[in-house]
């Protein structure tokens, strides 16, 4: 199954996706219970889709991660498809990734010479 094949109100969705964006976490209260929700954008080789992350899923997933959605559900909000695990689905992180901008910093790569601080500036 691929992103390009998804349709609104479709259940039993099984996909492997990469997280390319993660939005702000929002808190809510419903029926006296507090929760958190976050919108993310995920993609495969055929396209992108908005992914709704709930509660503990928010901390599980980061930009660059490869995830698998099992038995997910596709909803529609303001004409845009949105994928979530729904009541019966499952989200699993297959591979932790690194956001592209941070990857160079964390790998310890040398900065280009014009960005290196002068020795006098360090003292």
Protein backbone atom coordinates (compact mmCIF):
# COMPACT_ATOMS: atom_id res chain seq x y z
CA UNK A 1 0.00 0.00 0.00
CA UNK A 2 1.24 3.52 -0.86
CA UNK A 3 0.30 7.09 0.05
CA UNK A 4 -0.99 7.72 -3.48
CA UNK A 5 -3.57 4.92 -3.02
CA UNK A 6 -5.14 6.30 0.18
CA UNK A 7 -8.73 7.56 0.24
CA UNK A 8 -10.86 9.31 2.87
CA UNK A 9 -12.67 7.01 5.35
CA UNK A 10 -10.36 4.12 4.49
CA UNK A 11 -9.46 1.70 7.27
CA UNK A 12 -7.06 -1.21 7.60
CA UNK A 13 -4.18 0.91 6.27
CA UNK A 14 -0.68 -0.65 6.46
CA UNK A 15 2.18 1.66 5.42
CA UNK A 16 5.89 2.30 5.96
CA UNK A 17 6.61 6.04 6.02
CA UNK A 18 9.35 8.56 6.81
CA UNK A 19 8.53 11.51 9.07
CA UNK A 20 9.52 14.74 7.28
CA UNK A 21 7.87 17.34 9.53
CA UNK A 22 6.54 17.52 13.07
CA UNK A 23 4.34 20.35 14.31
CA UNK A 24 3.59 21.86 17.70
CA UNK A 25 2.10 19.68 20.43
CA UNK A 26 -1.39 20.78 21.53
CA UNK A 27 -3.00 19.87 24.85
CA UNK A 28 -6.73 19.15 25.10
CA UNK A 29 -9.32 17.89 27.55
CA UNK A 30 -12.20 15.66 26.50
CA UNK A 31 -14.69 13.95 28.79
CA UNK A 32 -12.57 15.06 31.75
CA UNK A 33 -9.40 13.42 30.42
CA UNK A 34 -6.32 15.35 29.30
CA UNK A 35 -4.41 14.43 26.19
CA UNK A 36 -1.93 15.67 23.60
CA UNK A 37 -2.07 15.77 19.83
CA UNK A 38 0.48 16.73 17.19
CA UNK A 39 0.30 16.92 13.41
CA UNK A 40 3.22 15.58 11.42
CA UNK A 41 3.90 15.06 7.73
CA UNK A 42 5.01 11.64 6.53
CA UNK A 43 5.99 10.39 3.09
CA UNK A 44 6.79 7.37 1.02
CA UNK A 45 8.10 7.24 -2.54
CA UNK A 46 4.63 8.08 -3.94
CA UNK A 47 3.67 11.16 -1.90
CA UNK A 48 3.11 12.92 1.44
CA UNK A 49 0.27 12.74 3.96
CA UNK A 50 -0.59 14.50 7.20
CA UNK A 51 -0.17 12.13 10.15
CA UNK A 52 -1.93 12.72 13.47
CA UNK A 53 0.10 11.64 16.51
CA UNK A 54 -1.67 11.10 19.84
CA UNK A 55 -0.28 11.14 23.40
CA UNK A 56 2.70 8.75 23.76
CA UNK A 57 3.14 8.55 19.96
CA UNK A 58 4.32 12.18 20.01
CA UNK A 59 7.47 11.37 21.99
CA UNK A 60 8.10 8.12 20.10
CA UNK A 61 8.45 9.80 16.71
CA UNK A 62 10.95 12.33 15.39
CA UNK A 63 11.78 13.91 12.03
CA UNK A 64 13.74 11.46 9.88
CA UNK A 65 12.30 8.36 11.59
CA UNK A 66 11.00 5.47 9.52
CA UNK A 67 7.69 4.23 10.93
CA UNK A 68 5.16 1.53 10.22
CA UNK A 69 1.43 2.13 10.59
CA UNK A 70 -0.60 -1.06 10.99
CA UNK A 71 -4.40 -1.05 10.74
CA UNK A 72 -4.45 2.75 10.42
CA UNK A 73 -7.35 4.97 9.39
CA UNK A 74 -7.53 7.78 6.83
CA UNK A 75 -9.80 10.67 7.73
CA UNK A 76 -10.39 13.95 5.95
CA UNK A 77 -10.32 17.47 7.39
CA UNK A 78 -10.99 20.55 5.24
CA UNK A 79 -10.44 18.50 2.10
CA UNK A 80 -7.05 17.15 3.21
CA UNK A 81 -6.39 13.47 3.93
CA UNK A 82 -5.12 12.69 7.44
CA UNK A 83 -3.70 9.37 8.57
CA UNK A 84 -3.83 8.14 12.17
CA UNK A 85 -3.73 4.87 14.06
CA UNK A 86 -7.39 5.34 14.98
CA UNK A 87 -8.84 3.21 17.79
CA UNK A 88 -7.43 -0.12 16.65
CA UNK A 89 -4.20 0.69 14.81
CA UNK A 90 -0.56 0.62 15.83
CA UNK A 91 2.46 2.85 15.20
CA UNK A 92 5.93 1.33 15.36
CA UNK A 93 9.27 3.08 14.86
CA UNK A 94 11.34 0.90 12.54
CA UNK A 95 14.41 3.11 12.36
CA UNK A 96 15.41 6.30 14.18
CA UNK A 97 16.57 9.01 11.80
CA UNK A 98 18.23 12.38 12.10
CA UNK A 99 16.78 15.61 10.79
CA UNK A 100 18.85 16.66 7.79
CA UNK A 101 19.95 20.04 9.23
CA UNK A 102 21.13 18.55 12.52
CA UNK A 103 22.86 15.53 10.98
CA UNK A 104 26.03 17.46 10.03
CA UNK A 105 26.30 19.15 13.45
CA UNK A 106 25.97 15.91 15.40
CA UNK A 107 28.33 13.95 13.16
CA UNK A 108 31.21 16.23 14.19
CA UNK A 109 31.90 17.33 10.63
CA UNK A 110 34.26 20.28 10.35
CA UNK A 111 32.69 23.60 9.50
CA UNK A 112 33.95 25.28 6.33
CA UNK A 113 36.99 27.49 7.03
CA UNK A 114 35.07 30.76 6.56
CA UNK A 115 32.75 29.77 9.45
CA UNK A 116 35.51 28.66 11.86
CA UNK A 117 36.01 31.17 14.68
CA UNK A 118 39.33 33.03 14.76
CA UNK A 119 41.71 31.92 17.51
CA UNK A 120 41.55 35.39 19.05
CA UNK A 121 37.74 35.16 19.34
CA UNK A 122 38.01 31.93 21.33
CA UNK A 123 40.31 33.40 24.05
